């Protein structure tokens, strides 16, 4: 997972389609994840 500045803040594998990423310890903001096919997804934490 990357922050809005492109800094990697979390690394790991998502094993199932319904996996969850715990953002409890991260500040509000915009984050990006990339899947193994190179598709990027935006996550907004309010």
C-alpha atoms as a PDB file:
ATOM      1  CA  UNK A   1       0.000   0.000   0.000  1.00  0.00           C
ATOM      2  CA  UNK A   2       1.281   3.442  -0.884  1.00  0.00           C
ATOM      3  CA  UNK A   3       0.450   6.879   0.439  1.00  0.00           C
ATOM      4  CA  UNK A   4      -0.427   9.818  -1.803  1.00  0.00           C
ATOM      5  CA  UNK A   5       3.276  10.683  -2.134  1.00  0.00           C
ATOM      6  CA  UNK A   6       4.137   7.217  -3.484  1.00  0.00           C
ATOM      7  CA  UNK A   7       5.841   6.038  -0.300  1.00  0.00           C
ATOM      8  CA  UNK A   8       5.253   2.355   0.423  1.00  0.00           C
ATOM      9  CA  UNK A   9       3.702   2.066   3.872  1.00  0.00           C
ATOM     10  CA  UNK A  10       2.499  -1.549   3.877  1.00  0.00           C
ATOM     11  CA  UNK A  11       3.519  -4.671   1.999  1.00  0.00           C
ATOM     12  CA  UNK A  12       1.728  -7.997   1.867  1.00  0.00           C
ATOM     13  CA  UNK A  13      -0.465 -10.354  -0.103  1.00  0.00           C
ATOM     14  CA  UNK A  14      -4.220 -10.372  -0.335  1.00  0.00           C
ATOM     15  CA  UNK A  15      -5.283 -14.003  -0.366  1.00  0.00           C
ATOM     16  CA  UNK A  16      -9.025 -13.767  -1.075  1.00  0.00           C
ATOM     17  CA  UNK A  17     -11.421 -11.393  -2.802  1.00  0.00           C
ATOM     18  CA  UNK A  18     -12.941 -10.410   0.531  1.00  0.00           C
ATOM     19  CA  UNK A  19      -9.682  -9.642   2.379  1.00  0.00           C
ATOM     20  CA  UNK A  20      -9.602  -6.578   4.600  1.00  0.00           C
ATOM     21  CA  UNK A  21      -6.834  -4.064   5.222  1.00  0.00           C
ATOM     22  CA  UNK A  22      -6.818  -2.591   8.717  1.00  0.00           C
ATOM     23  CA  UNK A  23      -6.225   1.163   8.424  1.00  0.00           C
ATOM     24  CA  UNK A  24      -6.904   1.844  12.106  1.00  0.00           C
ATOM     25  CA  UNK A  25      -3.309   2.936  12.788  1.00  0.00           C
ATOM     26  CA  UNK A  26      -3.031   5.150   9.697  1.00  0.00           C
ATOM     27  CA  UNK A  27      -4.135   8.782   9.476  1.00  0.00           C
ATOM     28  CA  UNK A  28      -7.017   9.912   7.278  1.00  0.00           C
ATOM     29  CA  UNK A  29      -6.012  10.292   3.674  1.00  0.00           C
ATOM     30  CA  UNK A  30      -5.759   8.651   0.266  1.00  0.00           C
ATOM     31  CA  UNK A  31      -3.944   5.351  -0.205  1.00  0.00           C
ATOM     32  CA  UNK A  32      -3.293   3.151  -3.222  1.00  0.00           C
ATOM     33  CA  UNK A  33      -2.916  -0.596  -3.588  1.00  0.00           C
ATOM     34  CA  UNK A  34      -1.784  -2.512  -6.664  1.00  0.00           C
ATOM     35  CA  UNK A  35      -2.732  -6.069  -7.508  1.00  0.00           C
ATOM     36  CA  UNK A  36      -0.521  -8.713  -9.088  1.00  0.00           C
ATOM     37  CA  UNK A  37      -1.777  -7.748 -12.563  1.00  0.00           C
ATOM     38  CA  UNK A  38      -0.724  -4.123 -12.063  1.00  0.00           C
ATOM     39  CA  UNK A  39      -4.220  -2.726 -11.490  1.00  0.00           C
ATOM     40  CA  UNK A  40      -4.288   0.144  -8.987  1.00  0.00           C
ATOM     41  CA  UNK A  41      -7.085   0.884  -6.532  1.00  0.00           C
ATOM     42  CA  UNK A  42      -7.633   4.035  -4.510  1.00  0.00           C
ATOM     43  CA  UNK A  43      -8.634   3.795  -0.840  1.00  0.00           C
ATOM     44  CA  UNK A  44      -9.906   6.897   0.970  1.00  0.00           C
ATOM     45  CA  UNK A  45      -9.863   6.860   4.751  1.00  0.00           C
ATOM     46  CA  UNK A  46     -11.989   9.579   6.301  1.00  0.00           C
END
